């Protein structure tokens, strides 16, 4: 009996990152209502039960995916501000209304 495994074993953090990326793909493709746990698990190449192991449900997974995107955007903004003229960074801070995610800090 020589069957190929349907799912590969990954480290937990890599697995969660893969689930977040699959969630973002499904949200883009199907929207919130259409991005089911089944579609996300199929996109990630994992079992449906594995999502339940890491997240309490779709809402928590989507929230973490949005936090990941927010972190990426904040990193891009910080990098752009650092590359801008010295006065541009301080000017942007005065008009900033974006709140950073908990694990993200804006450099002064």
Protein backbone atom coordinates (compact mmCIF):
# COMPACT_ATOMS: atom_id res chain seq x y z
CA UNK A 1 0.00 0.00 0.00
CA UNK A 2 1.99 2.92 -1.32
CA UNK A 3 -0.15 6.06 -1.07
CA UNK A 4 1.13 9.58 -1.20
CA UNK A 5 0.21 11.70 1.84
CA UNK A 6 -2.48 14.29 1.08
CA UNK A 7 -1.12 16.83 3.55
CA UNK A 8 2.45 17.69 4.44
CA UNK A 9 3.63 18.42 7.97
CA UNK A 10 4.87 21.97 8.61
CA UNK A 11 6.11 23.84 11.63
CA UNK A 12 3.17 25.52 13.47
CA UNK A 13 4.24 29.10 12.69
CA UNK A 14 4.78 28.28 9.01
CA UNK A 15 1.43 26.48 8.94
CA UNK A 16 -0.33 29.52 10.45
CA UNK A 17 1.38 31.85 7.95
CA UNK A 18 0.22 29.55 5.16
CA UNK A 19 -3.35 29.64 6.52
CA UNK A 20 -3.25 33.45 6.64
CA UNK A 21 -2.03 33.64 3.03
CA UNK A 22 -4.72 31.18 1.92
CA UNK A 23 -7.33 33.25 3.77
CA UNK A 24 -6.20 36.41 1.98
CA UNK A 25 -6.39 34.64 -1.39
CA UNK A 26 -9.91 33.37 -0.63
CA UNK A 27 -11.07 36.78 0.62
CA UNK A 28 -9.80 38.38 -2.57
CA UNK A 29 -11.37 35.72 -4.75
CA UNK A 30 -14.69 35.13 -2.94
CA UNK A 31 -15.23 37.97 -0.45
CA UNK A 32 -15.95 37.43 3.24
CA UNK A 33 -19.24 35.57 2.75
CA UNK A 34 -17.81 33.27 0.07
CA UNK A 35 -14.52 32.51 1.83
CA UNK A 36 -15.55 29.39 3.71
CA UNK A 37 -13.34 27.35 6.01
CA UNK A 38 -13.48 24.57 3.40
CA UNK A 39 -12.24 26.88 0.64
CA UNK A 40 -9.49 28.27 2.88
CA UNK A 41 -8.35 24.79 3.90
CA UNK A 42 -8.35 23.64 0.26
CA UNK A 43 -6.33 26.71 -0.77
CA UNK A 44 -3.84 26.05 2.05
CA UNK A 45 -3.71 22.33 1.31
CA UNK A 46 -4.64 21.34 4.86
CA UNK A 47 -7.55 19.58 6.53
CA UNK A 48 -10.53 21.55 7.82
CA UNK A 49 -9.77 20.31 11.33
CA UNK A 50 -6.33 21.90 11.25
CA UNK A 51 -7.89 25.37 11.06
CA UNK A 52 -9.94 24.53 14.17
CA UNK A 53 -6.71 23.50 15.90
CA UNK A 54 -5.21 26.99 15.41
CA UNK A 55 -8.27 29.28 15.29
CA UNK A 56 -11.67 29.39 16.99
CA UNK A 57 -13.33 30.00 13.62
CA UNK A 58 -13.41 31.97 10.42
CA UNK A 59 -13.78 35.32 12.18
CA UNK A 60 -10.57 34.87 14.16
CA UNK A 61 -8.68 33.69 11.08
CA UNK A 62 -9.91 36.64 9.00
CA UNK A 63 -9.05 39.06 11.81
CA UNK A 64 -5.50 37.69 11.94
CA UNK A 65 -5.24 37.93 8.14
CA UNK A 66 -6.31 41.59 8.28
CA UNK A 67 -3.75 42.22 11.04
CA UNK A 68 -1.07 40.69 8.82
CA UNK A 69 -2.04 43.01 5.95
CA UNK A 70 -2.11 46.00 8.31
CA UNK A 71 1.38 45.12 9.52
CA UNK A 72 2.64 44.91 5.93
CA UNK A 73 1.10 48.26 5.04
CA UNK A 74 2.56 49.89 8.16
CA UNK A 75 6.01 48.51 7.27
CA UNK A 76 5.71 49.92 3.75
CA UNK A 77 4.61 53.30 5.13
CA UNK A 78 7.49 53.42 7.63
CA UNK A 79 9.98 52.50 4.91
CA UNK A 80 8.58 55.18 2.60
CA UNK A 81 8.72 57.78 5.38
CA UNK A 82 12.35 56.88 6.15
CA UNK A 83 13.28 57.31 2.50
CA UNK A 84 11.41 60.63 2.19
CA UNK A 85 12.89 64.01 2.97
CA UNK A 86 13.54 64.58 6.73
CA UNK A 87 10.63 67.03 7.08
CA UNK A 88 8.19 64.71 5.31
CA UNK A 89 8.23 62.13 8.13
CA UNK A 90 7.35 64.65 10.83
CA UNK A 91 4.64 66.15 8.62
CA UNK A 92 3.07 62.75 8.08
CA UNK A 93 3.02 62.00 11.80
CA UNK A 94 0.96 65.12 12.52
CA UNK A 95 -1.79 64.00 10.15
CA UNK A 96 -1.67 60.28 10.96
CA UNK A 97 -5.02 58.81 11.95
CA UNK A 98 -3.98 55.18 11.42
CA UNK A 99 -3.74 53.15 14.59
CA UNK A 100 -0.95 50.57 14.61
CA UNK A 101 -1.72 46.94 15.39
CA UNK A 102 -0.58 45.80 18.87
CA UNK A 103 2.62 44.14 17.59
CA UNK A 104 3.57 47.07 15.38
CA UNK A 105 5.28 50.24 16.55
CA UNK A 106 5.79 53.45 14.62
CA UNK A 107 9.34 54.74 14.85
CA UNK A 108 9.75 58.36 15.91
